[in-house]
Amino acid sequence: MFLCYSLIMDKIFSITVNSLEETDILAGKFSNAIRKHGAFVCLYGDIGAGKTAFTKLVAKYLNVKEKVTSPSFVIINEYLSGDLPVYHFDLYRLENEGVKTIIDELTEYSKPDVLTMVEWAEFSDCELPFDRIEIKIEYIDENKRKFDFYAVGDEYKKALEGLKQ
């Protein structure tokens, strides 16, 4: 399942990147767009699409000093050394029933002035009741990815509009 609220969510834009260098540039632009107020970001894509890689690059541009790793086996990694706190969730191992046990935590991590990145958000069973950014990453080939950016909420729509330039 993807885009739980597709009826109220606006697709802001799509971009295809042809290399890790172009993904790095996109991550830098994204981090600048959300740096001032933070964001709650849901990441979608198959295994190997680049969800964790994109998160690592965004964290780099937010000056996170810790090594950013996949939270697959720990559910959440916290990085507090950067320009704003970064909380990196992975819902894959929880699947639908397990996610219900942490919905309150996800809501708590949606506060302003933090960046929360949620991989495998499709396991949330559409129980994300707050404004957010959704990014679908599609694997095309070893180097090429397509990123689709969606937003719920005026603040996030405005932040993503700046990325189109």
N, C-alpha and C. Protein backbone atom coordinates (compact mmCIF):
# COMPACT_ATOMS: atom_id res chain seq x y z
N MET A 1 0.85 -1.18 0.00
CA MET A 1 0.00 0.00 0.00
C MET A 1 0.89 1.23 0.00
N PHE A 2 0.48 2.22 -0.72
CA PHE A 2 1.26 3.46 -0.81
C PHE A 2 0.31 4.63 -0.82
N LEU A 3 0.73 5.69 -0.20
CA LEU A 3 -0.02 6.94 -0.19
C LEU A 3 -1.41 6.74 0.40
N CYS A 4 -1.42 6.61 1.70
CA CYS A 4 -2.66 6.33 2.42
C CYS A 4 -3.73 7.38 2.19
N TYR A 5 -3.33 8.59 2.00
CA TYR A 5 -4.30 9.66 1.85
C TYR A 5 -4.21 10.29 0.48
N SER A 6 -4.14 9.45 -0.54
CA SER A 6 -3.92 9.97 -1.89
C SER A 6 -4.99 10.96 -2.32
N LEU A 7 -6.16 10.89 -1.72
CA LEU A 7 -7.21 11.84 -2.09
C LEU A 7 -6.94 13.24 -1.56
N ILE A 8 -6.22 13.34 -0.45
CA ILE A 8 -5.93 14.67 0.11
C ILE A 8 -4.47 15.07 -0.04
N MET A 9 -3.68 14.17 -0.58
CA MET A 9 -2.26 14.42 -0.72
C MET A 9 -1.97 14.99 -2.10
N ASP A 10 -1.12 15.98 -2.14
CA ASP A 10 -0.75 16.58 -3.42
C ASP A 10 0.62 16.08 -3.85
N LYS A 11 0.68 15.60 -5.10
CA LYS A 11 1.98 15.26 -5.67
C LYS A 11 2.61 16.56 -6.11
N ILE A 12 3.75 16.87 -5.52
CA ILE A 12 4.40 18.14 -5.79
C ILE A 12 5.28 18.03 -7.03
N PHE A 13 6.08 16.99 -7.12
CA PHE A 13 6.89 16.81 -8.32
C PHE A 13 7.58 15.45 -8.30
N SER A 14 8.14 15.09 -9.44
CA SER A 14 8.94 13.88 -9.60
C SER A 14 10.27 14.28 -10.21
N ILE A 15 11.28 13.51 -9.88
CA ILE A 15 12.60 13.73 -10.47
C ILE A 15 13.29 12.38 -10.61
N THR A 16 13.98 12.19 -11.70
CA THR A 16 14.78 10.99 -11.90
C THR A 16 16.25 11.40 -11.77
N VAL A 17 16.95 10.67 -10.90
CA VAL A 17 18.38 10.91 -10.73
C VAL A 17 19.13 9.76 -11.39
N ASN A 18 20.26 10.08 -11.98
CA ASN A 18 21.01 9.11 -12.77
C ASN A 18 22.28 8.61 -12.11
N SER A 19 22.54 9.07 -10.89
CA SER A 19 23.77 8.66 -10.20
C SER A 19 23.65 8.98 -8.71
N LEU A 20 24.56 8.42 -7.94
CA LEU A 20 24.61 8.74 -6.52
C LEU A 20 24.92 10.21 -6.32
N GLU A 21 25.72 10.79 -7.21
CA GLU A 21 26.04 12.22 -7.11
C GLU A 21 24.78 13.07 -7.26
N GLU A 22 23.91 12.71 -8.18
CA GLU A 22 22.66 13.46 -8.35
C GLU A 22 21.73 13.24 -7.16
N THR A 23 21.75 12.03 -6.58
CA THR A 23 20.96 11.77 -5.37
C THR A 23 21.49 12.64 -4.23
N ASP A 24 22.79 12.78 -4.14
CA ASP A 24 23.42 13.62 -3.13
C ASP A 24 22.96 15.07 -3.28
N ILE A 25 22.92 15.57 -4.49
CA ILE A 25 22.46 16.95 -4.74
C ILE A 25 21.00 17.10 -4.32
N LEU A 26 20.16 16.12 -4.67
CA LEU A 26 18.75 16.16 -4.27
C LEU A 26 18.61 16.15 -2.75
N ALA A 27 19.39 15.32 -2.08
CA ALA A 27 19.35 15.26 -0.61
C ALA A 27 19.76 16.60 0.00
N GLY A 28 20.75 17.24 -0.59
CA GLY A 28 21.17 18.56 -0.10
C GLY A 28 20.06 19.59 -0.24
N LYS A 29 19.38 19.59 -1.37
CA LYS A 29 18.27 20.51 -1.57
C LYS A 29 17.12 20.21 -0.62
N PHE A 30 16.84 18.91 -0.42
CA PHE A 30 15.76 18.52 0.48
C PHE A 30 16.08 18.95 1.91
N SER A 31 17.31 18.72 2.34
CA SER A 31 17.69 19.10 3.72
C SER A 31 17.57 20.61 3.91
N ASN A 32 17.91 21.40 2.90
CA ASN A 32 17.74 22.85 3.01
C ASN A 32 16.27 23.24 3.08
N ALA A 33 15.41 22.50 2.38
CA ALA A 33 13.98 22.81 2.38
C ALA A 33 13.32 22.55 3.72
N ILE A 34 13.85 21.58 4.48
CA ILE A 34 13.20 21.23 5.76
C ILE A 34 14.01 21.66 6.98
N ARG A 35 15.17 22.24 6.76
CA ARG A 35 16.08 22.58 7.86
C ARG A 35 15.45 23.52 8.90
N LYS A 36 14.70 24.49 8.47
CA LYS A 36 14.19 25.51 9.38
C LYS A 36 13.15 24.97 10.36
N HIS A 37 12.25 24.09 9.88
CA HIS A 37 11.14 23.64 10.73
C HIS A 37 11.12 22.14 10.96
N GLY A 38 12.00 21.39 10.29
CA GLY A 38 11.95 19.94 10.40
C GLY A 38 10.83 19.39 9.54
N ALA A 39 10.61 18.07 9.64
CA ALA A 39 9.56 17.44 8.85
C ALA A 39 9.33 16.02 9.35
N PHE A 40 8.14 15.53 9.06
CA PHE A 40 7.82 14.12 9.25
C PHE A 40 7.75 13.53 7.85
N VAL A 41 8.62 12.57 7.54
CA VAL A 41 8.77 12.06 6.18
C VAL A 41 8.55 10.56 6.14
N CYS A 42 7.63 10.13 5.30
CA CYS A 42 7.41 8.71 5.07
C CYS A 42 8.12 8.31 3.78
N LEU A 43 8.90 7.24 3.85
CA LEU A 43 9.66 6.76 2.70
C LEU A 43 9.10 5.43 2.22
N TYR A 44 8.87 5.34 0.92
CA TYR A 44 8.33 4.14 0.31
C TYR A 44 9.29 3.67 -0.78
N GLY A 45 9.38 2.38 -0.96
CA GLY A 45 10.20 1.82 -2.02
C GLY A 45 10.59 0.40 -1.68
N ASP A 46 10.87 -0.37 -2.71
CA ASP A 46 11.27 -1.76 -2.50
C ASP A 46 12.62 -1.82 -1.79
N ILE A 47 12.96 -3.01 -1.34
CA ILE A 47 14.29 -3.23 -0.76
C ILE A 47 15.33 -2.84 -1.81
N GLY A 48 16.29 -2.03 -1.40
CA GLY A 48 17.34 -1.60 -2.31
C GLY A 48 17.01 -0.37 -3.13
N ALA A 49 15.83 0.20 -2.90
CA ALA A 49 15.44 1.39 -3.67
C ALA A 49 16.27 2.61 -3.30
N GLY A 50 16.69 2.69 -2.04
CA GLY A 50 17.53 3.82 -1.62
C GLY A 50 16.96 4.63 -0.47
N LYS A 51 16.05 4.07 0.30
CA LYS A 51 15.45 4.80 1.43
C LYS A 51 16.50 5.17 2.47
N THR A 52 17.30 4.18 2.88
CA THR A 52 18.33 4.45 3.89
C THR A 52 19.43 5.33 3.30
N ALA A 53 19.80 5.09 2.06
CA ALA A 53 20.84 5.90 1.43
C ALA A 53 20.42 7.37 1.37
N PHE A 54 19.16 7.63 1.02
CA PHE A 54 18.68 9.00 0.97
C PHE A 54 18.69 9.63 2.37
N THR A 55 18.27 8.85 3.37
CA THR A 55 18.28 9.34 4.75
C THR A 55 19.69 9.70 5.19
N LYS A 56 20.67 8.85 4.86
CA LYS A 56 22.07 9.12 5.21
C LYS A 56 22.54 10.44 4.59
N LEU A 57 22.19 10.65 3.33
CA LEU A 57 22.63 11.88 2.65
C LEU A 57 21.96 13.11 3.24
N VAL A 58 20.68 13.02 3.55
CA VAL A 58 19.99 14.15 4.18
C VAL A 58 20.64 14.46 5.52
N ALA A 59 20.91 13.42 6.31
CA ALA A 59 21.55 13.61 7.62
C ALA A 59 22.92 14.28 7.46
N LYS A 60 23.65 13.89 6.43
CA LYS A 60 24.96 14.50 6.18
C LYS A 60 24.81 16.01 6.01
N TYR A 61 23.81 16.44 5.24
CA TYR A 61 23.61 17.87 5.00
C TYR A 61 23.03 18.60 6.21
N LEU A 62 22.52 17.84 7.17
CA LEU A 62 22.07 18.44 8.42
C LEU A 62 23.17 18.38 9.48
N ASN A 63 24.38 18.04 9.05
CA ASN A 63 25.57 18.01 9.91
C ASN A 63 25.50 17.00 11.04
N VAL A 64 24.82 15.88 10.80
CA VAL A 64 24.79 14.79 11.77
C VAL A 64 26.18 14.17 11.82
N LYS A 65 26.72 14.04 13.01
CA LYS A 65 28.08 13.53 13.18
C LYS A 65 28.11 12.01 13.33
N GLU A 66 27.04 11.42 13.89
CA GLU A 66 27.02 9.98 14.08
C GLU A 66 26.93 9.25 12.74
N LYS A 67 27.34 7.99 12.74
CA LYS A 67 27.18 7.15 11.55
C LYS A 67 25.70 6.78 11.44
N VAL A 68 25.11 7.09 10.30
CA VAL A 68 23.70 6.80 10.06
C VAL A 68 23.59 5.40 9.47
N THR A 69 22.81 4.55 10.15
CA THR A 69 22.63 3.17 9.72
C THR A 69 21.14 2.84 9.66
N SER A 70 20.84 1.74 9.00
CA SER A 70 19.46 1.29 8.91
C SER A 70 18.96 0.86 10.28
N PRO A 71 17.77 1.30 10.65
CA PRO A 71 17.21 0.89 11.94
C PRO A 71 16.38 -0.39 11.85
N SER A 72 16.63 -1.22 10.85
CA SER A 72 15.81 -2.41 10.62
C SER A 72 15.64 -3.29 11.85
N PHE A 73 16.69 -3.48 12.62
CA PHE A 73 16.61 -4.40 13.74
C PHE A 73 16.36 -3.71 15.08
N VAL A 74 16.37 -2.38 15.09
CA VAL A 74 16.16 -1.66 16.34
C VAL A 74 14.93 -0.75 16.29
N ILE A 75 14.27 -0.66 15.17
CA ILE A 75 13.06 0.12 14.92
C ILE A 75 13.35 1.61 14.78
N ILE A 76 14.18 2.18 15.68
CA ILE A 76 14.49 3.61 15.59
C ILE A 76 15.95 3.87 15.92
N ASN A 77 16.55 4.75 15.16
CA ASN A 77 17.87 5.32 15.49
C ASN A 77 17.69 6.81 15.70
N GLU A 78 18.35 7.33 16.71
CA GLU A 78 18.27 8.76 17.01
C GLU A 78 19.64 9.39 16.79
N TYR A 79 19.63 10.52 16.11
CA TYR A 79 20.86 11.26 15.84
C TYR A 79 20.64 12.69 16.33
N LEU A 80 21.36 13.06 17.35
CA LEU A 80 21.10 14.33 18.02
C LEU A 80 22.21 15.36 17.83
N SER A 81 23.21 15.06 17.01
CA SER A 81 24.38 15.94 16.90
C SER A 81 24.27 16.98 15.79
N GLY A 82 23.24 16.94 14.98
CA GLY A 82 23.17 17.82 13.82
C GLY A 82 22.43 19.12 14.07
N ASP A 83 22.08 19.77 12.97
CA ASP A 83 21.38 21.06 13.04
C ASP A 83 20.00 20.92 13.67
N LEU A 84 19.41 19.75 13.57
CA LEU A 84 18.17 19.43 14.27
C LEU A 84 18.18 17.94 14.53
N PRO A 85 17.44 17.48 15.55
CA PRO A 85 17.41 16.04 15.83
C PRO A 85 16.84 15.27 14.65
N VAL A 86 17.43 14.10 14.37
CA VAL A 86 16.95 13.23 13.31
C VAL A 86 16.56 11.90 13.94
N TYR A 87 15.31 11.49 13.71
CA TYR A 87 14.79 10.22 14.18
C TYR A 87 14.47 9.37 12.96
N HIS A 88 15.08 8.19 12.91
CA HIS A 88 15.01 7.35 11.72
C HIS A 88 14.34 6.03 12.11
N PHE A 89 13.09 5.86 11.68
CA PHE A 89 12.31 4.66 11.97
C PHE A 89 12.35 3.70 10.79
N ASP A 90 12.21 2.41 11.09
CA ASP A 90 12.01 1.39 10.07
C ASP A 90 10.88 0.49 10.57
N LEU A 91 9.77 0.48 9.85
CA LEU A 91 8.58 -0.26 10.28
C LEU A 91 8.50 -1.65 9.67
N TYR A 92 9.48 -2.04 8.88
CA TYR A 92 9.41 -3.30 8.13
C TYR A 92 9.19 -4.51 9.04
N ARG A 93 9.94 -4.63 10.09
CA ARG A 93 9.85 -5.81 10.96
C ARG A 93 8.60 -5.79 11.85
N LEU A 94 8.00 -4.62 12.00
CA LEU A 94 6.80 -4.55 12.83
C LEU A 94 5.55 -4.98 12.07
N GLU A 95 5.53 -4.72 10.78
CA GLU A 95 4.35 -4.94 9.95
C GLU A 95 3.13 -4.29 10.60
N ASN A 96 1.97 -4.54 10.07
CA ASN A 96 0.77 -3.79 10.46
C ASN A 96 0.43 -3.87 11.94
N GLU A 97 0.37 -5.06 12.50
CA GLU A 97 -0.04 -5.20 13.91
C GLU A 97 0.97 -4.57 14.85
N GLY A 98 2.25 -4.77 14.59
CA GLY A 98 3.28 -4.21 15.46
C GLY A 98 3.32 -2.69 15.42
N VAL A 99 3.02 -2.12 14.26
CA VAL A 99 3.05 -0.66 14.14
C VAL A 99 2.00 -0.04 15.05
N LYS A 100 0.88 -0.70 15.21
CA LYS A 100 -0.18 -0.16 16.08
C LYS A 100 0.33 0.09 17.49
N THR A 101 1.35 -0.66 17.91
CA THR A 101 1.88 -0.48 19.26
C THR A 101 2.76 0.76 19.39
N ILE A 102 3.19 1.33 18.25
CA ILE A 102 4.06 2.51 18.34
C ILE A 102 3.48 3.75 17.66
N ILE A 103 2.21 3.71 17.31
CA ILE A 103 1.59 4.88 16.66
C ILE A 103 1.71 6.12 17.54
N ASP A 104 1.53 5.96 18.84
CA ASP A 104 1.67 7.12 19.74
C ASP A 104 3.09 7.69 19.69
N GLU A 105 4.10 6.82 19.62
CA GLU A 105 5.48 7.29 19.51
C GLU A 105 5.68 8.04 18.19
N LEU A 106 5.15 7.49 17.11
CA LEU A 106 5.28 8.17 15.82
C LEU A 106 4.66 9.56 15.88
N THR A 107 3.52 9.66 16.53
CA THR A 107 2.86 10.96 16.68
C THR A 107 3.74 11.90 17.50
N GLU A 108 4.36 11.38 18.55
CA GLU A 108 5.25 12.19 19.39
C GLU A 108 6.44 12.71 18.59
N TYR A 109 6.94 11.92 17.66
CA TYR A 109 8.09 12.32 16.85
C TYR A 109 7.70 13.21 15.67
N SER A 110 6.44 13.61 15.61
CA SER A 110 6.01 14.49 14.52
C SER A 110 6.02 15.96 14.93
N LYS A 111 6.62 16.25 16.07
CA LYS A 111 6.64 17.63 16.55
C LYS A 111 7.55 18.50 15.68
N PRO A 112 7.36 19.81 15.76
CA PRO A 112 8.20 20.72 14.96
C PRO A 112 9.67 20.67 15.38
N ASP A 113 10.50 21.13 14.48
CA ASP A 113 11.92 21.29 14.74
C ASP A 113 12.69 19.99 14.92
N VAL A 114 12.15 18.90 14.39
CA VAL A 114 12.88 17.63 14.30
C VAL A 114 12.64 17.06 12.90
N LEU A 115 13.52 16.20 12.47
CA LEU A 115 13.31 15.46 11.23
C LEU A 115 13.06 14.01 11.59
N THR A 116 11.92 13.50 11.22
CA THR A 116 11.59 12.10 11.42
C THR A 116 11.44 11.45 10.06
N MET A 117 12.26 10.45 9.80
CA MET A 117 12.24 9.70 8.55
C MET A 117 11.72 8.30 8.86
N VAL A 118 10.65 7.87 8.18
CA VAL A 118 10.01 6.58 8.46
C VAL A 118 10.09 5.71 7.21
N GLU A 119 10.94 4.69 7.26
CA GLU A 119 11.01 3.74 6.17
C GLU A 119 9.91 2.69 6.32
N TRP A 120 9.44 2.18 5.20
CA TRP A 120 8.38 1.18 5.16
C TRP A 120 7.11 1.70 5.82
N ALA A 121 6.79 2.93 5.56
CA ALA A 121 5.60 3.56 6.15
C ALA A 121 4.31 2.89 5.69
N GLU A 122 4.37 2.10 4.62
CA GLU A 122 3.16 1.41 4.18
C GLU A 122 2.64 0.44 5.24
N PHE A 123 3.49 0.06 6.19
CA PHE A 123 3.05 -0.81 7.27
C PHE A 123 2.30 -0.05 8.37
N SER A 124 2.18 1.26 8.22
CA SER A 124 1.46 2.04 9.22
C SER A 124 -0.05 1.83 9.13
N ASP A 125 -0.51 1.15 8.10
CA ASP A 125 -1.93 0.88 7.91
C ASP A 125 -2.74 2.17 7.89
N CYS A 126 -2.13 3.21 7.31
CA CYS A 126 -2.79 4.51 7.14
C CYS A 126 -3.14 5.18 8.47
N GLU A 127 -2.40 4.87 9.51
CA GLU A 127 -2.69 5.47 10.81
C GLU A 127 -1.71 6.60 11.14
N LEU A 128 -1.39 7.39 10.16
CA LEU A 128 -0.51 8.54 10.37
C LEU A 128 -1.37 9.79 10.28
N PRO A 129 -1.88 10.25 11.40
CA PRO A 129 -2.90 11.31 11.38
C PRO A 129 -2.37 12.73 11.35
N PHE A 130 -1.18 12.94 10.79
CA PHE A 130 -0.63 14.27 10.84
C PHE A 130 -0.06 14.66 9.49
N ASP A 131 0.16 15.96 9.33
CA ASP A 131 0.77 16.46 8.09
C ASP A 131 2.14 15.82 7.92
N ARG A 132 2.51 15.61 6.65
CA ARG A 132 3.78 14.94 6.40
C ARG A 132 4.18 15.07 4.94
N ILE A 133 5.40 14.64 4.68
CA ILE A 133 5.92 14.49 3.33
C ILE A 133 6.00 13.00 3.06
N GLU A 134 5.63 12.59 1.87
CA GLU A 134 5.81 11.21 1.47
C GLU A 134 6.69 11.19 0.23
N ILE A 135 7.69 10.30 0.26
CA ILE A 135 8.61 10.16 -0.85
C ILE A 135 8.59 8.70 -1.31
N LYS A 136 8.25 8.51 -2.56
CA LYS A 136 8.30 7.18 -3.16
C LYS A 136 9.57 7.12 -3.99
N ILE A 137 10.41 6.13 -3.70
CA ILE A 137 11.66 5.96 -4.44
C ILE A 137 11.53 4.68 -5.27
N GLU A 138 11.71 4.84 -6.56
CA GLU A 138 11.61 3.70 -7.47
C GLU A 138 12.99 3.35 -8.03
N TYR A 139 13.37 2.12 -7.85
CA TYR A 139 14.63 1.59 -8.40
C TYR A 139 14.44 1.39 -9.90
N ILE A 140 15.29 2.02 -10.69
CA ILE A 140 15.23 1.84 -12.14
C ILE A 140 16.38 0.96 -12.60
N ASP A 141 17.59 1.31 -12.18
CA ASP A 141 18.74 0.44 -12.40
C ASP A 141 19.76 0.73 -11.31
N GLU A 142 20.94 0.16 -11.41
CA GLU A 142 21.93 0.26 -10.35
C GLU A 142 22.19 1.70 -9.89
N ASN A 143 22.15 2.64 -10.81
CA ASN A 143 22.45 4.03 -10.48
C ASN A 143 21.24 4.96 -10.55
N LYS A 144 20.22 4.56 -11.22
CA LYS A 144 19.10 5.45 -11.53
C LYS A 144 17.91 5.19 -10.61
N ARG A 145 17.34 6.29 -10.07
CA ARG A 145 16.16 6.21 -9.21
C ARG A 145 15.18 7.32 -9.60
N LYS A 146 13.90 7.02 -9.41
CA LYS A 146 12.87 8.04 -9.58
C LYS A 146 12.31 8.37 -8.21
N PHE A 147 12.26 9.66 -7.89
CA PHE A 147 11.73 10.15 -6.62
C PHE A 147 10.41 10.89 -6.91
N ASP A 148 9.34 10.47 -6.24
CA ASP A 148 8.06 11.18 -6.29
C ASP A 148 7.83 11.80 -4.92
N PHE A 149 7.60 13.12 -4.90
CA PHE A 149 7.40 13.84 -3.65
C PHE A 149 5.94 14.25 -3.51
N TYR A 150 5.34 13.90 -2.37
CA TYR A 150 3.96 14.23 -2.05
C TYR A 150 3.93 14.99 -0.73
N ALA A 151 2.88 15.75 -0.51
CA ALA A 151 2.78 16.50 0.75
C ALA A 151 1.34 16.54 1.24
N VAL A 152 1.21 16.47 2.56
CA VAL A 152 -0.04 16.74 3.24
C VAL A 152 0.25 17.92 4.15
N GLY A 153 -0.47 19.01 3.97
CA GLY A 153 -0.27 20.20 4.79
C GLY A 153 0.41 21.31 4.01
N ASP A 154 -0.08 22.51 4.21
CA ASP A 154 0.42 23.66 3.47
C ASP A 154 1.91 23.93 3.69
N GLU A 155 2.37 23.76 4.94
CA GLU A 155 3.79 24.03 5.23
C GLU A 155 4.69 23.09 4.41
N TYR A 156 4.33 21.82 4.34
CA TYR A 156 5.14 20.87 3.59
C TYR A 156 5.02 21.08 2.09
N LYS A 157 3.85 21.47 1.63
CA LYS A 157 3.69 21.78 0.21
C LYS A 157 4.62 22.91 -0.19
N LYS A 158 4.65 23.94 0.65
CA LYS A 158 5.50 25.09 0.36
C LYS A 158 6.98 24.70 0.39
N ALA A 159 7.38 23.88 1.36
CA ALA A 159 8.77 23.46 1.44
C ALA A 159 9.19 22.67 0.21
N LEU A 160 8.31 21.79 -0.27
CA LEU A 160 8.64 20.98 -1.44
C LEU A 160 8.60 21.79 -2.74
N GLU A 161 7.76 22.80 -2.79
CA GLU A 161 7.72 23.64 -4.00
C GLU A 161 9.09 24.23 -4.29
N GLY A 162 9.83 24.55 -3.24
CA GLY A 162 11.17 25.10 -3.41
C GLY A 162 12.15 24.12 -4.04
N LEU A 163 11.87 22.83 -3.91
CA LEU A 163 12.76 21.81 -4.49
C LEU A 163 12.67 21.74 -6.00
N LYS A 164 11.56 22.17 -6.55
CA LYS A 164 11.35 22.06 -7.99
C LYS A 164 12.28 22.97 -8.78
N GLN A 165 12.86 23.95 -8.12
CA GLN A 165 13.70 24.93 -8.82
C GLN A 165 15.10 24.42 -9.04
